[in-house]
Amino acid sequence: MMMWLDNLDWPMLIIAGLFLAIAPMQPEPHLVEKLRMLSEGTLVKPIDIFDLLMHSAPLLLMAVKAFRQFVLKV
């Protein structure tokens, strides 16, 4: 079921993760802004929740792929 994740290349995931984590740089990265909003309890608009999910998705995929590859050794 998770074979598609195993077949994803690391460089592609790393580039996507870094790009979406820091984009846009000014005034602050969206991921930082949305995590700050989440910690303050102001993350309530659906567009903000979607933005958090979109900007963190590649990082979550990298974490799952690393867990499967290095811990489970699939």
PDB file of N, CA and C in Angstrom:
ATOM      1  N   MET A   1       0.814  -1.195   0.000  1.00  0.00           N
ATOM      2  CA  MET A   1       0.000   0.000   0.000  1.00  0.00           C
ATOM      3  C   MET A   1       0.865   1.269   0.000  1.00  0.00           C
ATOM      4  N   MET A   2       2.007   1.215   0.640  1.00  0.00           N
ATOM      5  CA  MET A   2       2.885   2.393   0.713  1.00  0.00           C
ATOM      6  C   MET A   2       4.034   2.302  -0.282  1.00  0.00           C
ATOM      7  N   MET A   3       3.908   1.448  -1.282  1.00  0.00           N
ATOM      8  CA  MET A   3       4.977   1.298  -2.267  1.00  0.00           C
ATOM      9  C   MET A   3       5.223   2.582  -3.037  1.00  0.00           C
ATOM     10  N   TRP A   4       4.204   3.391  -3.256  1.00  0.00           N
ATOM     11  CA  TRP A   4       4.377   4.646  -3.986  1.00  0.00           C
ATOM     12  C   TRP A   4       5.324   5.568  -3.231  1.00  0.00           C
ATOM     13  N   LEU A   5       5.250   5.537  -1.899  1.00  0.00           N
ATOM     14  CA  LEU A   5       6.148   6.374  -1.096  1.00  0.00           C
ATOM     15  C   LEU A   5       7.574   5.841  -1.154  1.00  0.00           C
ATOM     16  N   ASP A   6       7.722   4.535  -1.139  1.00  0.00           N
ATOM     17  CA  ASP A   6       9.052   3.937  -1.242  1.00  0.00           C
ATOM     18  C   ASP A   6       9.704   4.256  -2.586  1.00  0.00           C
ATOM     19  N   ASN A   7       8.899   4.441  -3.622  1.00  0.00           N
ATOM     20  CA  ASN A   7       9.424   4.707  -4.962  1.00  0.00           C
ATOM     21  C   ASN A   7       9.745   6.184  -5.197  1.00  0.00           C
ATOM     22  N   LEU A   8       9.316   7.070  -4.315  1.00  0.00           N
ATOM     23  CA  LEU A   8       9.647   8.488  -4.465  1.00  0.00           C
ATOM     24  C   LEU A   8      11.138   8.705  -4.197  1.00  0.00           C
ATOM     25  N   ASP A   9      11.753   9.538  -5.030  1.00  0.00           N
ATOM     26  CA  ASP A   9      13.174   9.832  -4.869  1.00  0.00           C
ATOM     27  C   ASP A   9      13.388  10.801  -3.715  1.00  0.00           C
ATOM     28  N   TRP A  10      14.477  10.566  -2.942  1.00  0.00           N
ATOM     29  CA  TRP A  10      14.822  11.459  -1.839  1.00  0.00           C
ATOM     30  C   TRP A  10      15.088  12.884  -2.309  1.00  0.00           C
ATOM     31  N   PRO A  11      15.861  13.093  -3.391  1.00  0.00           N
ATOM     32  CA  PRO A  11      16.130  14.481  -3.806  1.00  0.00           C
ATOM     33  C   PRO A  11      14.857  15.272  -4.113  1.00  0.00           C
ATOM     34  N   MET A  12      13.887  14.616  -4.754  1.00  0.00           N
ATOM     35  CA  MET A  12      12.637  15.299  -5.071  1.00  0.00           C
ATOM     36  C   MET A  12      11.896  15.692  -3.789  1.00  0.00           C
ATOM     37  N   LEU A  13      11.856  14.802  -2.813  1.00  0.00           N
ATOM     38  CA  LEU A  13      11.184  15.105  -1.550  1.00  0.00           C
ATOM     39  C   LEU A  13      11.912  16.205  -0.776  1.00  0.00           C
ATOM     40  N   ILE A  14      13.221  16.155  -0.773  1.00  0.00           N
ATOM     41  CA  ILE A  14      13.991  17.164  -0.042  1.00  0.00           C
ATOM     42  C   ILE A  14      13.815  18.541  -0.669  1.00  0.00           C
ATOM     43  N   ILE A  15      13.877  18.619  -1.988  1.00  0.00           N
ATOM     44  CA  ILE A  15      13.690  19.906  -2.663  1.00  0.00           C
ATOM     45  C   ILE A  15      12.282  20.445  -2.422  1.00  0.00           C
ATOM     46  N   ALA A  16      11.272  19.588  -2.570  1.00  0.00           N
ATOM     47  CA  ALA A  16       9.892  20.031  -2.332  1.00  0.00           C
ATOM     48  C   ALA A  16       9.698  20.441  -0.873  1.00  0.00           C
ATOM     49  N   GLY A  17      10.269  19.676   0.048  1.00  0.00           N
ATOM     50  CA  GLY A  17      10.134  19.995   1.462  1.00  0.00           C
ATOM     51  C   GLY A  17      10.776  21.317   1.823  1.00  0.00           C
ATOM     52  N   LEU A  18      11.984  21.540   1.345  1.00  0.00           N
ATOM     53  CA  LEU A  18      12.671  22.805   1.628  1.00  0.00           C
ATOM     54  C   LEU A  18      11.975  23.987   0.971  1.00  0.00           C
ATOM     55  N   PHE A  19      11.572  23.801  -0.275  1.00  0.00           N
ATOM     56  CA  PHE A  19      10.924  24.893  -1.000  1.00  0.00           C
ATOM     57  C   PHE A  19       9.613  25.298  -0.320  1.00  0.00           C
ATOM     58  N   LEU A  20       8.767  24.337   0.003  1.00  0.00           N
ATOM     59  CA  LEU A  20       7.484  24.678   0.616  1.00  0.00           C
ATOM     60  C   LEU A  20       7.625  25.099   2.070  1.00  0.00           C
ATOM     61  N   ALA A  21       8.664  24.659   2.744  1.00  0.00           N
ATOM     62  CA  ALA A  21       8.852  25.051   4.148  1.00  0.00           C
ATOM     63  C   ALA A  21       9.266  26.512   4.265  1.00  0.00           C
ATOM     64  N   ILE A  22      10.024  27.021   3.291  1.00  0.00           N
ATOM     65  CA  ILE A  22      10.505  28.403   3.409  1.00  0.00           C
ATOM     66  C   ILE A  22       9.768  29.382   2.507  1.00  0.00           C
ATOM     67  N   ALA A  23       8.897  28.906   1.615  1.00  0.00           N
ATOM     68  CA  ALA A  23       8.203  29.805   0.691  1.00  0.00           C
ATOM     69  C   ALA A  23       7.004  30.452   1.360  1.00  0.00           C
ATOM     70  N   PRO A  24       6.676  31.660   1.117  1.00  0.00           N
ATOM     71  CA  PRO A  24       7.559  32.725   0.645  1.00  0.00           C
ATOM     72  C   PRO A  24       8.406  33.246   1.786  1.00  0.00           C
ATOM     73  N   MET A  25       9.528  33.822   1.467  1.00  0.00           N
ATOM     74  CA  MET A  25      10.472  34.272   2.501  1.00  0.00           C
ATOM     75  C   MET A  25      10.016  35.539   3.212  1.00  0.00           C
ATOM     76  N   GLN A  26       9.327  36.422   2.513  1.00  0.00           N
ATOM     77  CA  GLN A  26       8.942  37.707   3.110  1.00  0.00           C
ATOM     78  C   GLN A  26       7.446  37.760   3.325  1.00  0.00           C
ATOM     79  N   PRO A  27       6.890  38.202   4.379  1.00  0.00           N
ATOM     80  CA  PRO A  27       7.557  38.705   5.574  1.00  0.00           C
ATOM     81  C   PRO A  27       8.060  37.570   6.468  1.00  0.00           C
ATOM     82  N   GLU A  28       7.432  36.388   6.417  1.00  0.00           N
ATOM     83  CA  GLU A  28       7.947  35.199   7.103  1.00  0.00           C
ATOM     84  C   GLU A  28       7.418  33.983   6.374  1.00  0.00           C
ATOM     85  N   PRO A  29       8.114  32.858   6.432  1.00  0.00           N
ATOM     86  CA  PRO A  29       7.643  31.652   5.742  1.00  0.00           C
ATOM     87  C   PRO A  29       6.253  31.242   6.231  1.00  0.00           C
ATOM     88  N   HIS A  30       5.431  30.765   5.278  1.00  0.00           N
ATOM     89  CA  HIS A  30       4.060  30.372   5.619  1.00  0.00           C
ATOM     90  C   HIS A  30       4.022  29.298   6.683  1.00  0.00           C
ATOM     91  N   LEU A  31       4.932  28.340   6.616  1.00  0.00           N
ATOM     92  CA  LEU A  31       4.916  27.252   7.595  1.00  0.00           C
ATOM     93  C   LEU A  31       5.156  27.788   9.001  1.00  0.00           C
ATOM     94  N   VAL A  32       6.089  28.702   9.138  1.00  0.00           N
ATOM     95  CA  VAL A  32       6.360  29.314  10.440  1.00  0.00           C
ATOM     96  C   VAL A  32       5.142  30.101  10.909  1.00  0.00           C
ATOM     97  N   GLU A  33       4.559  30.860   9.995  1.00  0.00           N
ATOM     98  CA  GLU A  33       3.382  31.667  10.330  1.00  0.00           C
ATOM     99  C   GLU A  33       2.213  30.784  10.770  1.00  0.00           C
ATOM    100  N   LYS A  34       1.960  29.710  10.029  1.00  0.00           N
ATOM    101  CA  LYS A  34       0.818  28.841  10.356  1.00  0.00           C
ATOM    102  C   LYS A  34       1.064  28.067  11.652  1.00  0.00           C
ATOM    103  N   LEU A  35       2.297  27.648  11.906  1.00  0.00           N
ATOM    104  CA  LEU A  35       2.593  26.974  13.175  1.00  0.00           C
ATOM    105  C   LEU A  35       2.455  27.930  14.356  1.00  0.00           C
ATOM    106  N   ARG A  36       2.834  29.193  14.137  1.00  0.00           N
ATOM    107  CA  ARG A  36       2.645  30.208  15.176  1.00  0.00           C
ATOM    108  C   ARG A  36       1.155  30.419  15.436  1.00  0.00           C
ATOM    109  N   MET A  37       0.375  30.505  14.356  1.00  0.00           N
ATOM    110  CA  MET A  37      -1.072  30.664  14.496  1.00  0.00           C
ATOM    111  C   MET A  37      -1.680  29.468  15.222  1.00  0.00           C
ATOM    112  N   LEU A  38      -1.191  28.268  14.920  1.00  0.00           N
ATOM    113  CA  LEU A  38      -1.695  27.066  15.576  1.00  0.00           C
ATOM    114  C   LEU A  38      -1.394  27.098  17.066  1.00  0.00           C
ATOM    115  N   SER A  39      -0.196  27.522  17.431  1.00  0.00           N
ATOM    116  CA  SER A  39       0.167  27.566  18.846  1.00  0.00           C
ATOM    117  C   SER A  39      -0.594  28.656  19.603  1.00  0.00           C
ATOM    118  N   GLU A  40      -0.974  29.728  18.890  1.00  0.00           N
ATOM    119  CA  GLU A  40      -1.732  30.810  19.521  1.00  0.00           C
ATOM    120  C   GLU A  40      -3.232  30.549  19.529  1.00  0.00           C
ATOM    121  N   GLY A  41      -3.671  29.537  18.788  1.00  0.00           N
ATOM    122  CA  GLY A  41      -5.089  29.225  18.719  1.00  0.00           C
ATOM    123  C   GLY A  41      -5.856  30.075  17.725  1.00  0.00           C
ATOM    124  N   THR A  42      -5.159  30.728  16.798  1.00  0.00           N
ATOM    125  CA  THR A  42      -5.832  31.582  15.813  1.00  0.00           C
ATOM    126  C   THR A  42      -5.924  30.927  14.437  1.00  0.00           C
ATOM    127  N   LEU A  43      -5.573  29.669  14.330  1.00  0.00           N
ATOM    128  CA  LEU A  43      -5.645  28.952  13.058  1.00  0.00           C
ATOM    129  C   LEU A  43      -7.060  28.391  12.918  1.00  0.00           C
ATOM    130  N   VAL A  44      -7.984  29.198  12.421  1.00  0.00           N
ATOM    131  CA  VAL A  44      -9.382  28.783  12.360  1.00  0.00           C
ATOM    132  C   VAL A  44      -9.965  28.832  10.959  1.00  0.00           C
ATOM    133  N   LYS A  45      -9.408  29.656  10.072  1.00  0.00           N
ATOM    134  CA  LYS A  45      -9.929  29.752   8.711  1.00  0.00           C
ATOM    135  C   LYS A  45      -9.548  28.504   7.920  1.00  0.00           C
ATOM    136  N   PRO A  46     -10.477  27.977   7.113  1.00  0.00           N
ATOM    137  CA  PRO A  46     -10.159  26.792   6.303  1.00  0.00           C
ATOM    138  C   PRO A  46      -8.964  26.999   5.376  1.00  0.00           C
ATOM    139  N   ILE A  47      -8.803  28.195   4.817  1.00  0.00           N
ATOM    140  CA  ILE A  47      -7.676  28.440   3.915  1.00  0.00           C
ATOM    141  C   ILE A  47      -6.348  28.371   4.667  1.00  0.00           C
ATOM    142  N   ASP A  48      -6.337  28.795   5.918  1.00  0.00           N
ATOM    143  CA  ASP A  48      -5.122  28.721   6.725  1.00  0.00           C
ATOM    144  C   ASP A  48      -4.787  27.280   7.084  1.00  0.00           C
ATOM    145  N   ILE A  49      -5.811  26.484   7.384  1.00  0.00           N
ATOM    146  CA  ILE A  49      -5.597  25.067   7.690  1.00  0.00           C
ATOM    147  C   ILE A  49      -5.070  24.340   6.457  1.00  0.00           C
ATOM    148  N   PHE A  50      -5.673  24.630   5.295  1.00  0.00           N
ATOM    149  CA  PHE A  50      -5.193  24.043   4.038  1.00  0.00           C
ATOM    150  C   PHE A  50      -3.747  24.451   3.773  1.00  0.00           C
ATOM    151  N   ASP A  51      -3.432  25.708   4.019  1.00  0.00           N
ATOM    152  CA  ASP A  51      -2.078  26.219   3.807  1.00  0.00           C
ATOM    153  C   ASP A  51      -1.070  25.491   4.697  1.00  0.00           C
ATOM    154  N   LEU A  52      -1.432  25.264   5.943  1.00  0.00           N
ATOM    155  CA  LEU A  52      -0.564  24.507   6.853  1.00  0.00           C
ATOM    156  C   LEU A  52      -0.343  23.094   6.334  1.00  0.00           C
ATOM    157  N   LEU A  53      -1.414  22.440   5.902  1.00  0.00           N
ATOM    158  CA  LEU A  53      -1.291  21.074   5.382  1.00  0.00           C
ATOM    159  C   LEU A  53      -0.454  21.031   4.110  1.00  0.00           C
ATOM    160  N   MET A  54      -0.656  22.002   3.225  1.00  0.00           N
ATOM    161  CA  MET A  54       0.087  22.020   1.966  1.00  0.00           C
ATOM    162  C   MET A  54       1.577  22.250   2.196  1.00  0.00           C
ATOM    163  N   HIS A  55       1.917  23.184   3.073  1.00  0.00           N
ATOM    164  CA  HIS A  55       3.325  23.517   3.293  1.00  0.00           C
ATOM    165  C   HIS A  55       4.049  22.459   4.134  1.00  0.00           C
ATOM    166  N   SER A  56       3.318  21.661   4.896  1.00  0.00           N
ATOM    167  CA  SER A  56       3.967  20.639   5.719  1.00  0.00           C
ATOM    168  C   SER A  56       3.906  19.241   5.100  1.00  0.00           C
ATOM    169  N   ALA A  57       3.143  19.055   4.042  1.00  0.00           N
ATOM    170  CA  ALA A  57       2.978  17.726   3.436  1.00  0.00           C
ATOM    171  C   ALA A  57       4.298  17.078   3.013  1.00  0.00           C
ATOM    172  N   PRO A  58       5.188  17.774   2.283  1.00  0.00           N
ATOM    173  CA  PRO A  58       6.442  17.113   1.904  1.00  0.00           C
ATOM    174  C   PRO A  58       7.302  16.736   3.116  1.00  0.00           C
ATOM    175  N   LEU A  59       7.274  17.546   4.164  1.00  0.00           N
ATOM    176  CA  LEU A  59       8.045  17.225   5.368  1.00  0.00           C
ATOM    177  C   LEU A  59       7.475  15.979   6.057  1.00  0.00           C
ATOM    178  N   LEU A  60       6.155  15.864   6.068  1.00  0.00           N
ATOM    179  CA  LEU A  60       5.527  14.669   6.642  1.00  0.00           C
ATOM    180  C   LEU A  60       5.839  13.427   5.810  1.00  0.00           C
ATOM    181  N   LEU A  61       5.824  13.579   4.488  1.00  0.00           N
ATOM    182  CA  LEU A  61       6.174  12.459   3.618  1.00  0.00           C
ATOM    183  C   LEU A  61       7.623  12.032   3.832  1.00  0.00           C
ATOM    184  N   MET A  62       8.523  12.998   4.010  1.00  0.00           N
ATOM    185  CA  MET A  62       9.924  12.670   4.281  1.00  0.00           C
ATOM    186  C   MET A  62      10.057  11.913   5.597  1.00  0.00           C
ATOM    187  N   ALA A  63       9.311  12.314   6.605  1.00  0.00           N
ATOM    188  CA  ALA A  63       9.376  11.646   7.907  1.00  0.00           C
ATOM    189  C   ALA A  63       8.875  10.206   7.803  1.00  0.00           C
ATOM    190  N   VAL A  64       7.769   9.996   7.103  1.00  0.00           N
ATOM    191  CA  VAL A  64       7.221   8.642   6.949  1.00  0.00           C
ATOM    192  C   VAL A  64       8.170   7.784   6.123  1.00  0.00           C
ATOM    193  N   LYS A  65       8.708   8.352   5.038  1.00  0.00           N
ATOM    194  CA  LYS A  65       9.643   7.593   4.198  1.00  0.00           C
ATOM    195  C   LYS A  65      10.903   7.222   4.985  1.00  0.00           C
ATOM    196  N   ALA A  66      11.437   8.146   5.773  1.00  0.00           N
ATOM    197  CA  ALA A  66      12.621   7.857   6.578  1.00  0.00           C
ATOM    198  C   ALA A  66      12.327   6.783   7.610  1.00  0.00           C
ATOM    199  N   PHE A  67      11.171   6.857   8.246  1.00  0.00           N
ATOM    200  CA  PHE A  67      10.786   5.835   9.227  1.00  0.00           C
ATOM    201  C   PHE A  67      10.704   4.467   8.570  1.00  0.00           C
ATOM    202  N   ARG A  68      10.055   4.415   7.409  1.00  0.00           N
ATOM    203  CA  ARG A  68       9.918   3.125   6.712  1.00  0.00           C
ATOM    204  C   ARG A  68      11.276   2.604   6.239  1.00  0.00           C
ATOM    205  N   GLN A  69      12.131   3.491   5.768  1.00  0.00           N
ATOM    206  CA  GLN A  69      13.404   3.054   5.194  1.00  0.00           C
ATOM    207  C   GLN A  69      14.440   2.719   6.258  1.00  0.00           C
ATOM    208  N   PHE A  70      14.508   3.503   7.324  1.00  0.00           N
ATOM    209  CA  PHE A  70      15.599   3.329   8.283  1.00  0.00           C
ATOM    210  C   PHE A  70      15.191   2.571   9.546  1.00  0.00           C
ATOM    211  N   VAL A  71      13.940   2.646   9.945  1.00  0.00           N
ATOM    212  CA  VAL A  71      13.505   1.952  11.152  1.00  0.00           C
ATOM    213  C   VAL A  71      12.895   0.599  10.809  1.00  0.00           C
ATOM    214  N   LEU A  72      11.965   0.602   9.872  1.00  0.00           N
ATOM    215  CA  LEU A  72      11.330  -0.664   9.493  1.00  0.00           C
ATOM    216  C   LEU A  72      12.156  -1.446   8.491  1.00  0.00           C
ATOM    217  N   LYS A  73      13.054  -0.744   7.770  1.00  0.00           N
ATOM    218  CA  LYS A  73      13.909  -1.354   6.730  1.00  0.00           C
ATOM    219  C   LYS A  73      13.095  -2.129   5.699  1.00  0.00           C
ATOM    220  N   VAL A  74      12.083  -1.428   5.167  1.00  0.00           N
ATOM    221  CA  VAL A  74      11.206  -2.045   4.160  1.00  0.00           C
ATOM    222  C   VAL A  74      11.892  -2.005   2.821  1.00  0.00           C
TER     223      VAL A  74
END
